[in-house]
Amino acid sequence: MLEARYRVKDLVNYPERPAKDYVDRSGRRRRLSHKPATKGLLNVAESTFWKMIRRGDFPEPTYLTASMPTWTESQINAWLEQKTLKAA
């Protein structure tokens, strides 16, 4: 059985994005839809998450495609356990 994989959007928090109205080049009024805030498994912002990887505080991703980094469930659980042990 394949192990679950998580993408960045599953791991990090994203702020709410309010709806926006604008006029496109042809003069039509358009509206960008509202997106609610989301909370990821790690409860950190995306910028903080990538800083943690650069510092070596979080495991390096495995890329399924050139632009799709993923982490296995075991990598995330091991990191969470290690973090818990350091805090104790």
C-alpha atoms as a PDB file:
ATOM      1  CA  MET A   1       0.000   0.000   0.000  1.00  0.00           C
ATOM      2  CA  LEU A   2       1.262   3.461  -0.834  1.00  0.00           C
ATOM      3  CA  GLU A   3       2.071   5.843   1.960  1.00  0.00           C
ATOM      4  CA  ALA A   4       0.110   9.097   2.127  1.00  0.00           C
ATOM      5  CA  ARG A   5       1.878  12.114   0.653  1.00  0.00           C
ATOM      6  CA  TYR A   6       1.327  15.728   1.636  1.00  0.00           C
ATOM      7  CA  ARG A   7       1.796  18.821  -0.486  1.00  0.00           C
ATOM      8  CA  VAL A   8       2.693  22.311   0.737  1.00  0.00           C
ATOM      9  CA  LYS A   9      -0.966  23.381   0.699  1.00  0.00           C
ATOM     10  CA  ASP A  10      -1.791  20.547   3.134  1.00  0.00           C
ATOM     11  CA  LEU A  11       0.945  21.511   5.592  1.00  0.00           C
ATOM     12  CA  VAL A  12       0.889  25.316   5.892  1.00  0.00           C
ATOM     13  CA  ASN A  13      -1.588  28.053   6.818  1.00  0.00           C
ATOM     14  CA  TYR A  14      -2.957  30.441   4.237  1.00  0.00           C
ATOM     15  CA  PRO A  15      -4.624  33.765   5.146  1.00  0.00           C
ATOM     16  CA  GLU A  16      -8.107  34.681   4.037  1.00  0.00           C
ATOM     17  CA  ARG A  17      -8.336  36.295   0.612  1.00  0.00           C
ATOM     18  CA  PRO A  18     -11.275  38.698   0.277  1.00  0.00           C
ATOM     19  CA  ALA A  19     -13.193  39.002  -2.991  1.00  0.00           C
ATOM     20  CA  LYS A  20     -11.953  41.675  -5.407  1.00  0.00           C
ATOM     21  CA  ASP A  21     -13.776  43.549  -8.142  1.00  0.00           C
ATOM     22  CA  TYR A  22     -11.901  44.816 -11.176  1.00  0.00           C
ATOM     23  CA  VAL A  23     -12.441  45.879 -14.773  1.00  0.00           C
ATOM     24  CA  ASP A  24     -10.617  43.864 -17.436  1.00  0.00           C
ATOM     25  CA  ARG A  25      -9.113  45.283 -20.650  1.00  0.00           C
ATOM     26  CA  SER A  26     -12.349  44.913 -22.586  1.00  0.00           C
ATOM     27  CA  GLY A  27     -14.245  46.959 -19.988  1.00  0.00           C
ATOM     28  CA  ARG A  28     -16.134  44.068 -18.397  1.00  0.00           C
ATOM     29  CA  ARG A  29     -16.489  43.978 -14.634  1.00  0.00           C
ATOM     30  CA  ARG A  30     -14.974  40.877 -13.100  1.00  0.00           C
ATOM     31  CA  ARG A  31     -14.867  39.503  -9.588  1.00  0.00           C
ATOM     32  CA  LEU A  32     -12.156  37.334  -8.076  1.00  0.00           C
ATOM     33  CA  SER A  33     -13.763  34.921  -5.671  1.00  0.00           C
ATOM     34  CA  HIS A  34     -13.292  34.936  -1.927  1.00  0.00           C
ATOM     35  CA  LYS A  35     -11.085  32.246  -0.366  1.00  0.00           C
ATOM     36  CA  PRO A  36     -11.403  31.471   3.330  1.00  0.00           C
ATOM     37  CA  ALA A  37      -8.368  31.070   5.557  1.00  0.00           C
ATOM     38  CA  THR A  38      -6.993  27.537   5.825  1.00  0.00           C
ATOM     39  CA  LYS A  39      -5.019  25.898   8.601  1.00  0.00           C
ATOM     40  CA  GLY A  40      -2.402  23.312   7.701  1.00  0.00           C
ATOM     41  CA  LEU A  41      -1.114  20.335   9.659  1.00  0.00           C
ATOM     42  CA  LEU A  42       1.984  22.200  10.863  1.00  0.00           C
ATOM     43  CA  ASN A  43       0.287  25.509  11.743  1.00  0.00           C
ATOM     44  CA  VAL A  44       3.003  27.698  10.177  1.00  0.00           C
ATOM     45  CA  ALA A  45       2.960  30.212   7.335  1.00  0.00           C
ATOM     46  CA  GLU A  46       4.277  29.153   3.928  1.00  0.00           C
ATOM     47  CA  SER A  47       7.272  31.520   4.100  1.00  0.00           C
ATOM     48  CA  THR A  48       8.248  30.151   7.536  1.00  0.00           C
ATOM     49  CA  PHE A  49       7.880  26.610   6.225  1.00  0.00           C
ATOM     50  CA  TRP A  50      10.342  27.187   3.353  1.00  0.00           C
ATOM     51  CA  LYS A  51      12.784  28.908   5.741  1.00  0.00           C
ATOM     52  CA  MET A  52      12.651  25.822   7.978  1.00  0.00           C
ATOM     53  CA  ILE A  53      13.583  23.622   5.004  1.00  0.00           C
ATOM     54  CA  ARG A  54      16.478  25.906   3.976  1.00  0.00           C
ATOM     55  CA  ARG A  55      17.825  25.856   7.563  1.00  0.00           C
ATOM     56  CA  GLY A  56      17.530  22.057   7.696  1.00  0.00           C
ATOM     57  CA  ASP A  57      14.839  22.132  10.403  1.00  0.00           C
ATOM     58  CA  PHE A  58      12.381  20.170   8.226  1.00  0.00           C
ATOM     59  CA  PRO A  59      13.027  17.238   5.831  1.00  0.00           C
ATOM     60  CA  GLU A  60      13.780  17.951   2.180  1.00  0.00           C
ATOM     61  CA  PRO A  61      10.851  17.285  -0.163  1.00  0.00           C
ATOM     62  CA  THR A  62      10.557  14.613  -2.811  1.00  0.00           C
ATOM     63  CA  TYR A  63       9.385  16.111  -6.090  1.00  0.00           C
ATOM     64  CA  LEU A  64       6.676  14.192  -7.955  1.00  0.00           C
ATOM     65  CA  THR A  65       7.027  16.707 -10.786  1.00  0.00           C
ATOM     66  CA  ALA A  66       9.378  19.659 -11.205  1.00  0.00           C
ATOM     67  CA  SER A  67       6.949  21.939  -9.373  1.00  0.00           C
ATOM     68  CA  MET A  68       5.239  19.561  -6.905  1.00  0.00           C
ATOM     69  CA  PRO A  69       7.186  18.974  -3.692  1.00  0.00           C
ATOM     70  CA  THR A  70       5.728  16.340  -1.381  1.00  0.00           C
ATOM     71  CA  TRP A  71       6.499  14.741   1.973  1.00  0.00           C
ATOM     72  CA  THR A  72       5.466  11.310   3.204  1.00  0.00           C
ATOM     73  CA  GLU A  73       3.376  10.838   6.299  1.00  0.00           C
ATOM     74  CA  SER A  74       6.281   9.064   8.019  1.00  0.00           C
ATOM     75  CA  GLN A  75       8.603  12.048   7.370  1.00  0.00           C
ATOM     76  CA  ILE A  76       6.103  14.433   8.939  1.00  0.00           C
ATOM     77  CA  ASN A  77       5.383  12.159  11.915  1.00  0.00           C
ATOM     78  CA  ALA A  78       9.115  11.648  12.570  1.00  0.00           C
ATOM     79  CA  TRP A  79       9.681  15.419  12.460  1.00  0.00           C
ATOM     80  CA  LEU A  80       6.765  16.037  14.850  1.00  0.00           C
ATOM     81  CA  GLU A  81       8.084  13.405  17.295  1.00  0.00           C
ATOM     82  CA  GLN A  82      11.584  14.892  17.144  1.00  0.00           C
ATOM     83  CA  LYS A  83      10.168  18.364  17.773  1.00  0.00           C
ATOM     84  CA  THR A  84       8.162  17.060  20.756  1.00  0.00           C
ATOM     85  CA  LEU A  85      11.235  15.374  22.264  1.00  0.00           C
ATOM     86  CA  LYS A  86      13.281  18.591  21.965  1.00  0.00           C
ATOM     87  CA  ALA A  87      10.550  20.563  23.746  1.00  0.00           C
ATOM     88  CA  ALA A  88      10.401  18.101  26.664  1.00  0.00           C
END
